[in-house]
Structures are given as structure tokens and as C-alpha cells.
Amino acid sequence: MAKKIMVVDDDPDIVEYLVSIFKERGYATCSAPGGEAAMEVMEREKPDLLTLDLEMPDEWGPRFYRKFSQKPEFKDLPVVVISGLAGIHLAIRKAIATVNKPFEPAQVLKIVEGAIGAP
């Protein structure tokens, strides 16, 4: 079974773009438009890695990270922060990487493959 990547971002274009990049590479995907919906999707889909935007209307990315990382099944889930905000490397200290928008797909795929391996 292919490894699963979850994309959490309130911008539907970013979600669609990341999902298409991951699917083309052979990963399974799931997504959510923000923190409220993301927790339900995470519990149902059990992703192997999460890409997380910081600034979303219903939930601040670091607050969402604190919520899900307190759950035993998600405390070691690798997180890649993808955001347009300055200083994103400071927002979630346990993130495996931070990527500024706009980003190069190859950069994101290299980070993902380094964290969870090929699909």
C-alpha cells in the first residue's frame, strides 16, 4: 500500500497542486481545508506525513499541530510546514522542514522522500 500524505491548507489551489504532485509520484493522498476538518480526516486516513499551512481562517497551524501531536498515534507524525509567512522555521520547532510559498515541487518531493521514503 502506498504511503499517504495529508495536505492541510485553506487555499484550494495549493491543495490541488500538492495533491497532484504527490499522486504523480505515486503517493496516496488526503486533504483538509483547515484545522477543524483536518483532525477528522487524520483520524480516518492515518497519514504517514502531513504538509501544514500556518495561516488558516479556522485554526492557526501551530495550535492545530499542538492538538494533534498530543494524541499518541500522531505524536511522531512528520510535518512539513508550507507557508507564505516570514519566520516559518520558528513556528513549529519539531517540523522536519519548512518550505516557503511559492515552492519548487522537486524540493517538496525531496523532503517527503527523505522523511518517509519512496511511495
PDB file of N, CA and C in Angstrom:
ATOM      1  N   MET A   1       0.845  -1.190   0.000  1.00  0.00           N
ATOM      2  CA  MET A   1       0.000   0.000   0.000  1.00  0.00           C
ATOM      3  C   MET A   1       0.887   1.248   0.000  1.00  0.00           C
ATOM      4  N   ALA A   2       0.541   2.224  -0.836  1.00  0.00           N
ATOM      5  CA  ALA A   2       1.337   3.442  -0.963  1.00  0.00           C
ATOM      6  C   ALA A   2       1.289   4.256   0.327  1.00  0.00           C
ATOM      7  N   LYS A   3       2.370   4.931   0.605  1.00  0.00           N
ATOM      8  CA  LYS A   3       2.413   5.817   1.766  1.00  0.00           C
ATOM      9  C   LYS A   3       1.489   6.995   1.500  1.00  0.00           C
ATOM     10  N   LYS A   4       0.862   7.486   2.578  1.00  0.00           N
ATOM     11  CA  LYS A   4      -0.158   8.521   2.435  1.00  0.00           C
ATOM     12  C   LYS A   4       0.319   9.863   2.984  1.00  0.00           C
ATOM     13  N   ILE A   5       0.107  10.907   2.187  1.00  0.00           N
ATOM     14  CA  ILE A   5       0.447  12.272   2.575  1.00  0.00           C
ATOM     15  C   ILE A   5      -0.837  13.068   2.691  1.00  0.00           C
ATOM     16  N   MET A   6      -0.964  13.792   3.794  1.00  0.00           N
ATOM     17  CA  MET A   6      -2.126  14.655   4.005  1.00  0.00           C
ATOM     18  C   MET A   6      -1.712  16.107   3.823  1.00  0.00           C
ATOM     19  N   VAL A   7      -2.497  16.834   3.045  1.00  0.00           N
ATOM     20  CA  VAL A   7      -2.260  18.249   2.774  1.00  0.00           C
ATOM     21  C   VAL A   7      -3.308  19.058   3.524  1.00  0.00           C
ATOM     22  N   VAL A   8      -2.846  19.964   4.393  1.00  0.00           N
ATOM     23  CA  VAL A   8      -3.763  20.846   5.122  1.00  0.00           C
ATOM     24  C   VAL A   8      -3.436  22.283   4.735  1.00  0.00           C
ATOM     25  N   ASP A   9      -4.352  22.904   3.998  1.00  0.00           N
ATOM     26  CA  ASP A   9      -4.169  24.277   3.529  1.00  0.00           C
ATOM     27  C   ASP A   9      -5.538  24.834   3.179  1.00  0.00           C
ATOM     28  N   ASP A  10      -5.758  26.112   3.482  1.00  0.00           N
ATOM     29  CA  ASP A  10      -7.058  26.717   3.190  1.00  0.00           C
ATOM     30  C   ASP A  10      -7.167  27.195   1.744  1.00  0.00           C
ATOM     31  N   ASP A  11      -6.063  27.191   1.002  1.00  0.00           N
ATOM     32  CA  ASP A  11      -6.081  27.609  -0.400  1.00  0.00           C
ATOM     33  C   ASP A  11      -6.318  26.374  -1.276  1.00  0.00           C
ATOM     34  N   PRO A  12      -7.503  26.265  -1.895  1.00  0.00           N
ATOM     35  CA  PRO A  12      -7.811  25.072  -2.682  1.00  0.00           C
ATOM     36  C   PRO A  12      -6.839  24.844  -3.844  1.00  0.00           C
ATOM     37  N   ASP A  13      -6.270  25.915  -4.393  1.00  0.00           N
ATOM     38  CA  ASP A  13      -5.303  25.759  -5.488  1.00  0.00           C
ATOM     39  C   ASP A  13      -4.021  25.091  -4.990  1.00  0.00           C
ATOM     40  N   ILE A  14      -3.574  25.466  -3.797  1.00  0.00           N
ATOM     41  CA  ILE A  14      -2.369  24.851  -3.214  1.00  0.00           C
ATOM     42  C   ILE A  14      -2.646  23.382  -2.909  1.00  0.00           C
ATOM     43  N   VAL A  15      -3.819  23.108  -2.331  1.00  0.00           N
ATOM     44  CA  VAL A  15      -4.177  21.715  -2.024  1.00  0.00           C
ATOM     45  C   VAL A  15      -4.163  20.888  -3.302  1.00  0.00           C
ATOM     46  N   GLU A  16      -4.829  21.383  -4.341  1.00  0.00           N
ATOM     47  CA  GLU A  16      -4.902  20.649  -5.610  1.00  0.00           C
ATOM     48  C   GLU A  16      -3.506  20.437  -6.202  1.00  0.00           C
ATOM     49  N   TYR A  17      -2.673  21.457  -6.142  1.00  0.00           N
ATOM     50  CA  TYR A  17      -1.318  21.375  -6.695  1.00  0.00           C
ATOM     51  C   TYR A  17      -0.480  20.345  -5.938  1.00  0.00           C
ATOM     52  N   LEU A  18      -0.462  20.421  -4.614  1.00  0.00           N
ATOM     53  CA  LEU A  18       0.319  19.465  -3.827  1.00  0.00           C
ATOM     54  C   LEU A  18      -0.198  18.037  -3.997  1.00  0.00           C
ATOM     55  N   VAL A  19      -1.510  17.872  -3.958  1.00  0.00           N
ATOM     56  CA  VAL A  19      -2.088  16.538  -4.134  1.00  0.00           C
ATOM     57  C   VAL A  19      -1.678  15.966  -5.489  1.00  0.00           C
ATOM     58  N   SER A  20      -1.720  16.785  -6.532  1.00  0.00           N
ATOM     59  CA  SER A  20      -1.353  16.285  -7.866  1.00  0.00           C
ATOM     60  C   SER A  20       0.134  15.915  -7.923  1.00  0.00           C
ATOM     61  N   ILE A  21       0.997  16.695  -7.292  1.00  0.00           N
ATOM     62  CA  ILE A  21       2.433  16.390  -7.259  1.00  0.00           C
ATOM     63  C   ILE A  21       2.661  15.043  -6.573  1.00  0.00           C
ATOM     64  N   PHE A  22       2.013  14.854  -5.420  1.00  0.00           N
ATOM     65  CA  PHE A  22       2.211  13.618  -4.658  1.00  0.00           C
ATOM     66  C   PHE A  22       1.626  12.405  -5.386  1.00  0.00           C
ATOM     67  N   LYS A  23       0.440  12.573  -5.977  1.00  0.00           N
ATOM     68  CA  LYS A  23      -0.182  11.460  -6.707  1.00  0.00           C
ATOM     69  C   LYS A  23       0.654  11.049  -7.914  1.00  0.00           C
ATOM     70  N   GLU A  24       1.176  12.047  -8.654  1.00  0.00           N
ATOM     71  CA  GLU A  24       2.010  11.745  -9.819  1.00  0.00           C
ATOM     72  C   GLU A  24       3.238  10.942  -9.420  1.00  0.00           C
ATOM     73  N   ARG A  25       3.734  11.176  -8.224  1.00  0.00           N
ATOM     74  CA  ARG A  25       4.919  10.466  -7.734  1.00  0.00           C
ATOM     75  C   ARG A  25       4.557   9.080  -7.207  1.00  0.00           C
ATOM     76  N   GLY A  26       3.250   8.837  -6.977  1.00  0.00           N
ATOM     77  CA  GLY A  26       2.815   7.511  -6.547  1.00  0.00           C
ATOM     78  C   GLY A  26       2.342   7.416  -5.110  1.00  0.00           C
ATOM     79  N   TYR A  27       2.282   8.549  -4.414  1.00  0.00           N
ATOM     80  CA  TYR A  27       1.792   8.542  -3.034  1.00  0.00           C
ATOM     81  C   TYR A  27       0.266   8.562  -3.011  1.00  0.00           C
ATOM     82  N   ALA A  28      -0.312   7.991  -1.971  1.00  0.00           N
ATOM     83  CA  ALA A  28      -1.735   8.166  -1.700  1.00  0.00           C
ATOM     84  C   ALA A  28      -1.869   9.529  -1.022  1.00  0.00           C
ATOM     85  N   THR A  29      -3.021  10.156  -1.150  1.00  0.00           N
ATOM     86  CA  THR A  29      -3.198  11.478  -0.561  1.00  0.00           C
ATOM     87  C   THR A  29      -4.565  11.624   0.098  1.00  0.00           C
ATOM     88  N   CYS A  30      -4.624  12.593   0.985  1.00  0.00           N
ATOM     89  CA  CYS A  30      -5.884  13.068   1.534  1.00  0.00           C
ATOM     90  C   CYS A  30      -5.657  14.532   1.870  1.00  0.00           C
ATOM     91  N   SER A  31      -6.718  15.272   2.116  1.00  0.00           N
ATOM     92  CA  SER A  31      -6.536  16.698   2.370  1.00  0.00           C
ATOM     93  C   SER A  31      -7.665  17.240   3.231  1.00  0.00           C
ATOM     94  N   ALA A  32      -7.419  18.444   3.753  1.00  0.00           N
ATOM     95  CA  ALA A  32      -8.424  19.160   4.534  1.00  0.00           C
ATOM     96  C   ALA A  32      -8.167  20.651   4.359  1.00  0.00           C
ATOM     97  N   PRO A  33      -9.240  21.461   4.364  1.00  0.00           N
ATOM     98  CA  PRO A  33      -9.083  22.896   4.146  1.00  0.00           C
ATOM     99  C   PRO A  33      -8.697  23.684   5.396  1.00  0.00           C
ATOM    100  N   GLY A  34      -8.585  23.019   6.527  1.00  0.00           N
ATOM    101  CA  GLY A  34      -8.223  23.729   7.757  1.00  0.00           C
ATOM    102  C   GLY A  34      -8.197  22.786   8.929  1.00  0.00           C
ATOM    103  N   GLY A  35      -7.871  23.332  10.082  1.00  0.00           N
ATOM    104  CA  GLY A  35      -7.682  22.529  11.279  1.00  0.00           C
ATOM    105  C   GLY A  35      -8.898  21.771  11.755  1.00  0.00           C
ATOM    106  N   GLU A  36     -10.064  22.377  11.666  1.00  0.00           N
ATOM    107  CA  GLU A  36     -11.270  21.713  12.174  1.00  0.00           C
ATOM    108  C   GLU A  36     -11.543  20.411  11.426  1.00  0.00           C
ATOM    109  N   ALA A  37     -11.535  20.469  10.119  1.00  0.00           N
ATOM    110  CA  ALA A  37     -11.790  19.270   9.312  1.00  0.00           C
ATOM    111  C   ALA A  37     -10.600  18.314   9.342  1.00  0.00           C
ATOM    112  N   ALA A  38      -9.401  18.847   9.506  1.00  0.00           N
ATOM    113  CA  ALA A  38      -8.191  18.033   9.411  1.00  0.00           C
ATOM    114  C   ALA A  38      -8.118  16.939  10.474  1.00  0.00           C
ATOM    115  N   MET A  39      -8.551  17.233  11.685  1.00  0.00           N
ATOM    116  CA  MET A  39      -8.467  16.232  12.741  1.00  0.00           C
ATOM    117  C   MET A  39      -9.306  15.002  12.395  1.00  0.00           C
ATOM    118  N   GLU A  40     -10.503  15.221  11.881  1.00  0.00           N
ATOM    119  CA  GLU A  40     -11.370  14.107  11.474  1.00  0.00           C
ATOM    120  C   GLU A  40     -10.725  13.296  10.352  1.00  0.00           C
ATOM    121  N   VAL A  41     -10.168  14.006   9.364  1.00  0.00           N
ATOM    122  CA  VAL A  41      -9.537  13.322   8.236  1.00  0.00           C
ATOM    123  C   VAL A  41      -8.318  12.539   8.719  1.00  0.00           C
ATOM    124  N   MET A  42      -7.524  13.117   9.592  1.00  0.00           N
ATOM    125  CA  MET A  42      -6.339  12.424  10.113  1.00  0.00           C
ATOM    126  C   MET A  42      -6.718  11.133  10.824  1.00  0.00           C
ATOM    127  N   GLU A  43      -7.733  11.202  11.658  1.00  0.00           N
ATOM    128  CA  GLU A  43      -8.135  10.018  12.415  1.00  0.00           C
ATOM    129  C   GLU A  43      -8.671   8.922  11.499  1.00  0.00           C
ATOM    130  N   ARG A  44      -9.323   9.320  10.422  1.00  0.00           N
ATOM    131  CA  ARG A  44      -9.875   8.350   9.480  1.00  0.00           C
ATOM    132  C   ARG A  44      -8.804   7.796   8.534  1.00  0.00           C
ATOM    133  N   GLU A  45      -7.929   8.664   8.036  1.00  0.00           N
ATOM    134  CA  GLU A  45      -6.980   8.294   6.977  1.00  0.00           C
ATOM    135  C   GLU A  45      -5.614   7.824   7.478  1.00  0.00           C
ATOM    136  N   LYS A  46      -5.223   8.194   8.680  1.00  0.00           N
ATOM    137  CA  LYS A  46      -3.920   7.793   9.261  1.00  0.00           C
ATOM    138  C   LYS A  46      -2.744   8.063   8.302  1.00  0.00           C
ATOM    139  N   PRO A  47      -2.490   9.352   8.000  1.00  0.00           N
ATOM    140  CA  PRO A  47      -1.412   9.664   7.049  1.00  0.00           C
ATOM    141  C   PRO A  47      -0.028   9.338   7.608  1.00  0.00           C
ATOM    142  N   ASP A  48       0.933   9.166   6.680  1.00  0.00           N
ATOM    143  CA  ASP A  48       2.326   8.919   7.047  1.00  0.00           C
ATOM    144  C   ASP A  48       3.116  10.218   7.193  1.00  0.00           C
ATOM    145  N   LEU A  49       2.594  11.305   6.599  1.00  0.00           N
ATOM    146  CA  LEU A  49       3.240  12.613   6.651  1.00  0.00           C
ATOM    147  C   LEU A  49       2.170  13.670   6.441  1.00  0.00           C
ATOM    148  N   LEU A  50       2.400  14.857   6.998  1.00  0.00           N
ATOM    149  CA  LEU A  50       1.445  15.961   6.901  1.00  0.00           C
ATOM    150  C   LEU A  50       2.155  17.193   6.381  1.00  0.00           C
ATOM    151  N   THR A  51       1.565  17.850   5.364  1.00  0.00           N
ATOM    152  CA  THR A  51       2.035  19.190   4.998  1.00  0.00           C
ATOM    153  C   THR A  51       1.029  20.155   5.609  1.00  0.00           C
ATOM    154  N   LEU A  52       1.536  21.208   6.232  1.00  0.00           N
ATOM    155  CA  LEU A  52       0.675  22.086   7.025  1.00  0.00           C
ATOM    156  C   LEU A  52       0.948  23.544   6.729  1.00  0.00           C
ATOM    157  N   ASP A  53      -0.103  24.262   6.361  1.00  0.00           N
ATOM    158  CA  ASP A  53      -0.045  25.714   6.228  1.00  0.00           C
ATOM    159  C   ASP A  53      -0.144  26.298   7.633  1.00  0.00           C
ATOM    160  N   LEU A  54       0.402  27.485   7.837  1.00  0.00           N
ATOM    161  CA  LEU A  54       0.341  28.095   9.165  1.00  0.00           C
ATOM    162  C   LEU A  54      -0.875  28.990   9.350  1.00  0.00           C
ATOM    163  N   GLU A  55      -1.225  29.717   8.305  1.00  0.00           N
ATOM    164  CA  GLU A  55      -2.269  30.721   8.435  1.00  0.00           C
ATOM    165  C   GLU A  55      -3.540  30.248   7.731  1.00  0.00           C
ATOM    166  N   MET A  56      -4.511  29.817   8.552  1.00  0.00           N
ATOM    167  CA  MET A  56      -5.790  29.350   8.016  1.00  0.00           C
ATOM    168  C   MET A  56      -6.892  30.045   8.806  1.00  0.00           C
ATOM    169  N   PRO A  57      -8.051  30.277   8.190  1.00  0.00           N
ATOM    170  CA  PRO A  57      -9.094  31.051   8.860  1.00  0.00           C
ATOM    171  C   PRO A  57      -9.661  30.408  10.124  1.00  0.00           C
ATOM    172  N   ASP A  58      -9.780  29.081  10.156  1.00  0.00           N
ATOM    173  CA  ASP A  58     -10.425  28.457  11.312  1.00  0.00           C
ATOM    174  C   ASP A  58      -9.440  27.969  12.368  1.00  0.00           C
ATOM    175  N   GLU A  59      -8.158  27.954  12.044  1.00  0.00           N
ATOM    176  CA  GLU A  59      -7.179  27.414  13.003  1.00  0.00           C
ATOM    177  C   GLU A  59      -5.782  27.859  12.628  1.00  0.00           C
ATOM    178  N   TRP A  60      -5.015  28.306  13.589  1.00  0.00           N
ATOM    179  CA  TRP A  60      -3.623  28.674  13.407  1.00  0.00           C
ATOM    180  C   TRP A  60      -2.816  27.378  13.363  1.00  0.00           C
ATOM    181  N   GLY A  61      -1.974  27.188  12.370  1.00  0.00           N
ATOM    182  CA  GLY A  61      -1.231  25.949  12.172  1.00  0.00           C
ATOM    183  C   GLY A  61      -0.530  25.421  13.419  1.00  0.00           C
ATOM    184  N   PRO A  62       0.235  26.263  14.143  1.00  0.00           N
ATOM    185  CA  PRO A  62       0.904  25.759  15.346  1.00  0.00           C
ATOM    186  C   PRO A  62      -0.067  25.258  16.418  1.00  0.00           C
ATOM    187  N   ARG A  63      -1.222  25.862  16.537  1.00  0.00           N
ATOM    188  CA  ARG A  63      -2.214  25.408  17.515  1.00  0.00           C
ATOM    189  C   ARG A  63      -2.766  24.040  17.096  1.00  0.00           C
ATOM    190  N   PHE A  64      -3.044  23.888  15.805  1.00  0.00           N
ATOM    191  CA  PHE A  64      -3.500  22.596  15.300  1.00  0.00           C
ATOM    192  C   PHE A  64      -2.432  21.532  15.534  1.00  0.00           C
ATOM    193  N   TYR A  65      -1.178  21.880  15.268  1.00  0.00           N
ATOM    194  CA  TYR A  65      -0.079  20.934  15.499  1.00  0.00           C
ATOM    195  C   TYR A  65      -0.059  20.471  16.966  1.00  0.00           C
ATOM    196  N   ARG A  66      -0.187  21.407  17.896  1.00  0.00           N
ATOM    197  CA  ARG A  66      -0.188  21.039  19.321  1.00  0.00           C
ATOM    198  C   ARG A  66      -1.329  20.091  19.638  1.00  0.00           C
ATOM    199  N   LYS A  67      -2.498  20.341  19.059  1.00  0.00           N
ATOM    200  CA  LYS A  67      -3.663  19.484  19.324  1.00  0.00           C
ATOM    201  C   LYS A  67      -3.423  18.057  18.851  1.00  0.00           C
ATOM    202  N   PHE A  68      -3.024  17.905  17.587  1.00  0.00           N
ATOM    203  CA  PHE A  68      -2.908  16.532  17.082  1.00  0.00           C
ATOM    204  C   PHE A  68      -1.673  15.819  17.623  1.00  0.00           C
ATOM    205  N   SER A  69      -0.607  16.548  17.920  1.00  0.00           N
ATOM    206  CA  SER A  69       0.611  15.887  18.396  1.00  0.00           C
ATOM    207  C   SER A  69       0.494  15.400  19.837  1.00  0.00           C
ATOM    208  N   GLN A  70      -0.555  15.799  20.529  1.00  0.00           N
ATOM    209  CA  GLN A  70      -0.800  15.287  21.877  1.00  0.00           C
ATOM    210  C   GLN A  70      -1.452  13.907  21.840  1.00  0.00           C
ATOM    211  N   LYS A  71      -1.968  13.534  20.674  1.00  0.00           N
ATOM    212  CA  LYS A  71      -2.564  12.205  20.533  1.00  0.00           C
ATOM    213  C   LYS A  71      -1.436  11.201  20.277  1.00  0.00           C
ATOM    214  N   PRO A  72      -1.416  10.098  21.034  1.00  0.00           N
ATOM    215  CA  PRO A  72      -0.319   9.130  20.899  1.00  0.00           C
ATOM    216  C   PRO A  72      -0.072   8.650  19.466  1.00  0.00           C
ATOM    217  N   GLU A  73      -1.148   8.450  18.696  1.00  0.00           N
ATOM    218  CA  GLU A  73      -0.983   7.919  17.339  1.00  0.00           C
ATOM    219  C   GLU A  73      -0.375   8.937  16.360  1.00  0.00           C
ATOM    220  N   PHE A  74      -0.357  10.219  16.741  1.00  0.00           N
ATOM    221  CA  PHE A  74       0.166  11.253  15.843  1.00  0.00           C
ATOM    222  C   PHE A  74       1.385  11.985  16.399  1.00  0.00           C
ATOM    223  N   LYS A  75       1.842  11.630  17.589  1.00  0.00           N
ATOM    224  CA  LYS A  75       2.914  12.426  18.217  1.00  0.00           C
ATOM    225  C   LYS A  75       4.221  12.388  17.423  1.00  0.00           C
ATOM    226  N   ASP A  76       4.459  11.344  16.635  1.00  0.00           N
ATOM    227  CA  ASP A  76       5.683  11.251  15.842  1.00  0.00           C
ATOM    228  C   ASP A  76       5.444  11.450  14.349  1.00  0.00           C
ATOM    229  N   LEU A  77       4.264  11.958  13.978  1.00  0.00           N
ATOM    230  CA  LEU A  77       3.945  12.178  12.565  1.00  0.00           C
ATOM    231  C   LEU A  77       4.846  13.273  11.987  1.00  0.00           C
ATOM    232  N   PRO A  78       5.590  12.990  10.907  1.00  0.00           N
ATOM    233  CA  PRO A  78       6.429  14.023  10.297  1.00  0.00           C
ATOM    234  C   PRO A  78       5.564  15.128   9.696  1.00  0.00           C
ATOM    235  N   VAL A  79       5.978  16.382   9.952  1.00  0.00           N
ATOM    236  CA  VAL A  79       5.244  17.547   9.462  1.00  0.00           C
ATOM    237  C   VAL A  79       6.173  18.425   8.644  1.00  0.00           C
ATOM    238  N   VAL A  80       5.695  18.816   7.456  1.00  0.00           N
ATOM    239  CA  VAL A  80       6.395  19.782   6.618  1.00  0.00           C
ATOM    240  C   VAL A  80       5.527  21.040   6.594  1.00  0.00           C
ATOM    241  N   VAL A  81       6.066  22.140   7.106  1.00  0.00           N
ATOM    242  CA  VAL A  81       5.340  23.408   7.095  1.00  0.00           C
ATOM    243  C   VAL A  81       5.539  24.045   5.723  1.00  0.00           C
ATOM    244  N   ILE A  82       4.425  24.394   5.065  1.00  0.00           N
ATOM    245  CA  ILE A  82       4.471  25.090   3.778  1.00  0.00           C
ATOM    246  C   ILE A  82       3.631  26.350   3.932  1.00  0.00           C
ATOM    247  N   SER A  83       4.298  27.509   3.919  1.00  0.00           N
ATOM    248  CA  SER A  83       3.594  28.753   4.220  1.00  0.00           C
ATOM    249  C   SER A  83       4.245  29.936   3.518  1.00  0.00           C
ATOM    250  N   GLY A  84       3.471  30.978   3.348  1.00  0.00           N
ATOM    251  CA  GLY A  84       3.979  32.222   2.780  1.00  0.00           C
ATOM    252  C   GLY A  84       4.415  33.208   3.841  1.00  0.00           C
ATOM    253  N   LEU A  85       4.279  32.862   5.110  1.00  0.00           N
ATOM    254  CA  LEU A  85       4.647  33.770   6.186  1.00  0.00           C
ATOM    255  C   LEU A  85       6.162  33.814   6.393  1.00  0.00           C
ATOM    256  N   ALA A  86       6.657  34.948   6.854  1.00  0.00           N
ATOM    257  CA  ALA A  86       8.071  35.067   7.208  1.00  0.00           C
ATOM    258  C   ALA A  86       8.303  34.368   8.549  1.00  0.00           C
ATOM    259  N   GLY A  87       9.510  33.884   8.748  1.00  0.00           N
ATOM    260  CA  GLY A  87       9.865  33.259  10.021  1.00  0.00           C
ATOM    261  C   GLY A  87       9.197  31.929  10.276  1.00  0.00           C
ATOM    262  N   ILE A  88       8.806  31.220   9.214  1.00  0.00           N
ATOM    263  CA  ILE A  88       8.053  29.979   9.411  1.00  0.00           C
ATOM    264  C   ILE A  88       8.874  28.887  10.075  1.00  0.00           C
ATOM    265  N   HIS A  89      10.187  28.982   9.972  1.00  0.00           N
ATOM    266  CA  HIS A  89      11.030  27.950  10.582  1.00  0.00           C
ATOM    267  C   HIS A  89      10.931  27.953  12.110  1.00  0.00           C
ATOM    268  N   LEU A  90      10.375  29.004  12.669  1.00  0.00           N
ATOM    269  CA  LEU A  90      10.234  29.107  14.118  1.00  0.00           C
ATOM    270  C   LEU A  90       8.869  28.659  14.621  1.00  0.00           C
ATOM    271  N   ALA A  91       7.913  28.516  13.732  1.00  0.00           N
ATOM    272  CA  ALA A  91       6.521  28.269  14.142  1.00  0.00           C
ATOM    273  C   ALA A  91       6.306  26.899  14.764  1.00  0.00           C
ATOM    274  N   ILE A  92       6.857  25.870  14.169  1.00  0.00           N
ATOM    275  CA  ILE A  92       6.695  24.504  14.675  1.00  0.00           C
ATOM    276  C   ILE A  92       8.103  23.899  14.728  1.00  0.00           C
ATOM    277  N   ARG A  93       8.686  23.930  15.883  1.00  0.00           N
ATOM    278  CA  ARG A  93      10.090  23.532  16.028  1.00  0.00           C
ATOM    279  C   ARG A  93      10.352  22.064  15.681  1.00  0.00           C
ATOM    280  N   LYS A  94       9.347  21.192  15.830  1.00  0.00           N
ATOM    281  CA  LYS A  94       9.542  19.772  15.531  1.00  0.00           C
ATOM    282  C   LYS A  94       9.246  19.432  14.070  1.00  0.00           C
ATOM    283  N   ALA A  95       8.917  20.442  13.268  1.00  0.00           N
ATOM    284  CA  ALA A  95       8.687  20.187  11.837  1.00  0.00           C
ATOM    285  C   ALA A  95       9.976  19.655  11.219  1.00  0.00           C
ATOM    286  N   ILE A  96       9.843  18.696  10.322  1.00  0.00           N
ATOM    287  CA  ILE A  96      11.040  18.131   9.683  1.00  0.00           C
ATOM    288  C   ILE A  96      11.619  19.091   8.651  1.00  0.00           C
ATOM    289  N   ALA A  97      10.779  20.022   8.160  1.00  0.00           N
ATOM    290  CA  ALA A  97      11.239  21.010   7.182  1.00  0.00           C
ATOM    291  C   ALA A  97      10.223  22.144   7.098  1.00  0.00           C
ATOM    292  N   THR A  98      10.709  23.278   6.621  1.00  0.00           N
ATOM    293  CA  THR A  98       9.823  24.400   6.330  1.00  0.00           C
ATOM    294  C   THR A  98      10.091  24.830   4.894  1.00  0.00           C
ATOM    295  N   VAL A  99       9.016  25.105   4.178  1.00  0.00           N
ATOM    296  CA  VAL A  99       9.105  25.475   2.767  1.00  0.00           C
ATOM    297  C   VAL A  99       8.289  26.746   2.576  1.00  0.00           C
ATOM    298  N   ASN A 100       8.911  27.740   1.941  1.00  0.00           N
ATOM    299  CA  ASN A 100       8.204  28.988   1.676  1.00  0.00           C
ATOM    300  C   ASN A 100       7.425  28.902   0.374  1.00  0.00           C
ATOM    301  N   LYS A 101       6.228  29.491   0.382  1.00  0.00           N
ATOM    302  CA  LYS A 101       5.454  29.633  -0.851  1.00  0.00           C
ATOM    303  C   LYS A 101       5.984  30.879  -1.560  1.00  0.00           C
ATOM    304  N   PRO A 102       6.107  30.879  -2.866  1.00  0.00           N
ATOM    305  CA  PRO A 102       5.944  29.752  -3.775  1.00  0.00           C
ATOM    306  C   PRO A 102       7.110  28.773  -3.625  1.00  0.00           C
ATOM    307  N   PHE A 103       6.864  27.518  -3.990  1.00  0.00           N
ATOM    308  CA  PHE A 103       7.860  26.474  -3.787  1.00  0.00           C
ATOM    309  C   PHE A 103       8.086  25.691  -5.069  1.00  0.00           C
ATOM    310  N   GLU A 104       9.205  25.002  -5.105  1.00  0.00           N
ATOM    311  CA  GLU A 104       9.531  24.118  -6.221  1.00  0.00           C
ATOM    312  C   GLU A 104       9.042  22.712  -5.869  1.00  0.00           C
ATOM    313  N   PRO A 105       8.263  22.069  -6.720  1.00  0.00           N
ATOM    314  CA  PRO A 105       7.779  20.713  -6.440  1.00  0.00           C
ATOM    315  C   PRO A 105       8.900  19.733  -6.117  1.00  0.00           C
ATOM    316  N   ALA A 106      10.028  19.841  -6.825  1.00  0.00           N
ATOM    317  CA  ALA A 106      11.138  18.916  -6.596  1.00  0.00           C
ATOM    318  C   ALA A 106      11.673  19.041  -5.170  1.00  0.00           C
ATOM    319  N   GLN A 107      11.690  20.260  -4.644  1.00  0.00           N
ATOM    320  CA  GLN A 107      12.154  20.481  -3.271  1.00  0.00           C
ATOM    321  C   GLN A 107      11.240  19.766  -2.274  1.00  0.00           C
ATOM    322  N   VAL A 108       9.934  19.905  -2.459  1.00  0.00           N
ATOM    323  CA  VAL A 108       8.969  19.276  -1.553  1.00  0.00           C
ATOM    324  C   VAL A 108       9.068  17.749  -1.659  1.00  0.00           C
ATOM    325  N   LEU A 109       9.169  17.228  -2.870  1.00  0.00           N
ATOM    326  CA  LEU A 109       9.277  15.769  -3.041  1.00  0.00           C
ATOM    327  C   LEU A 109      10.554  15.219  -2.406  1.00  0.00           C
ATOM    328  N   LYS A 110      11.641  15.961  -2.507  1.00  0.00           N
ATOM    329  CA  LYS A 110      12.903  15.526  -1.895  1.00  0.00           C
ATOM    330  C   LYS A 110      12.755  15.443  -0.374  1.00  0.00           C
ATOM    331  N   ILE A 111      12.113  16.424   0.219  1.00  0.00           N
ATOM    332  CA  ILE A 111      11.883  16.425   1.672  1.00  0.00           C
ATOM    333  C   ILE A 111      11.018  15.239   2.070  1.00  0.00           C
ATOM    334  N   VAL A 112       9.915  15.030   1.341  1.00  0.00           N
ATOM    335  CA  VAL A 112       8.989  13.947   1.643  1.00  0.00           C
ATOM    336  C   VAL A 112       9.698  12.595   1.527  1.00  0.00           C
ATOM    337  N   GLU A 113      10.403  12.382   0.443  1.00  0.00           N
ATOM    338  CA  GLU A 113      11.081  11.104   0.235  1.00  0.00           C
ATOM    339  C   GLU A 113      12.172  10.877   1.278  1.00  0.00           C
ATOM    340  N   GLY A 114      12.820  11.963   1.710  1.00  0.00           N
ATOM    341  CA  GLY A 114      13.820  11.836   2.763  1.00  0.00           C
ATOM    342  C   GLY A 114      13.205  11.449   4.098  1.00  0.00           C
ATOM    343  N   ALA A 115      11.962  11.854   4.311  1.00  0.00           N
ATOM    344  CA  ALA A 115      11.286  11.586   5.593  1.00  0.00           C
ATOM    345  C   ALA A 115      10.611  10.235   5.638  1.00  0.00           C
ATOM    346  N   ILE A 116       9.897   9.872   4.565  1.00  0.00           N
ATOM    347  CA  ILE A 116       9.101   8.635   4.621  1.00  0.00           C
ATOM    348  C   ILE A 116       9.457   7.629   3.537  1.00  0.00           C
ATOM    349  N   GLY A 117      10.417   7.998   2.677  1.00  0.00           N
ATOM    350  CA  GLY A 117      10.822   7.086   1.615  1.00  0.00           C
ATOM    351  C   GLY A 117       9.948   7.211   0.378  1.00  0.00           C
ATOM    352  N   ALA A 118      10.273   6.426  -0.618  1.00  0.00           N
ATOM    353  CA  ALA A 118       9.510   6.427  -1.864  1.00  0.00           C
ATOM    354  C   ALA A 118       8.129   5.808  -1.616  1.00  0.00           C
ATOM    355  N   PRO A 119       7.200   6.113  -2.503  1.00  0.00           N
ATOM    356  CA  PRO A 119       5.833   5.595  -2.323  1.00  0.00           C
ATOM    357  C   PRO A 119       5.803   4.104  -2.230  1.00  0.00           C
TER     358      PRO A 119
END
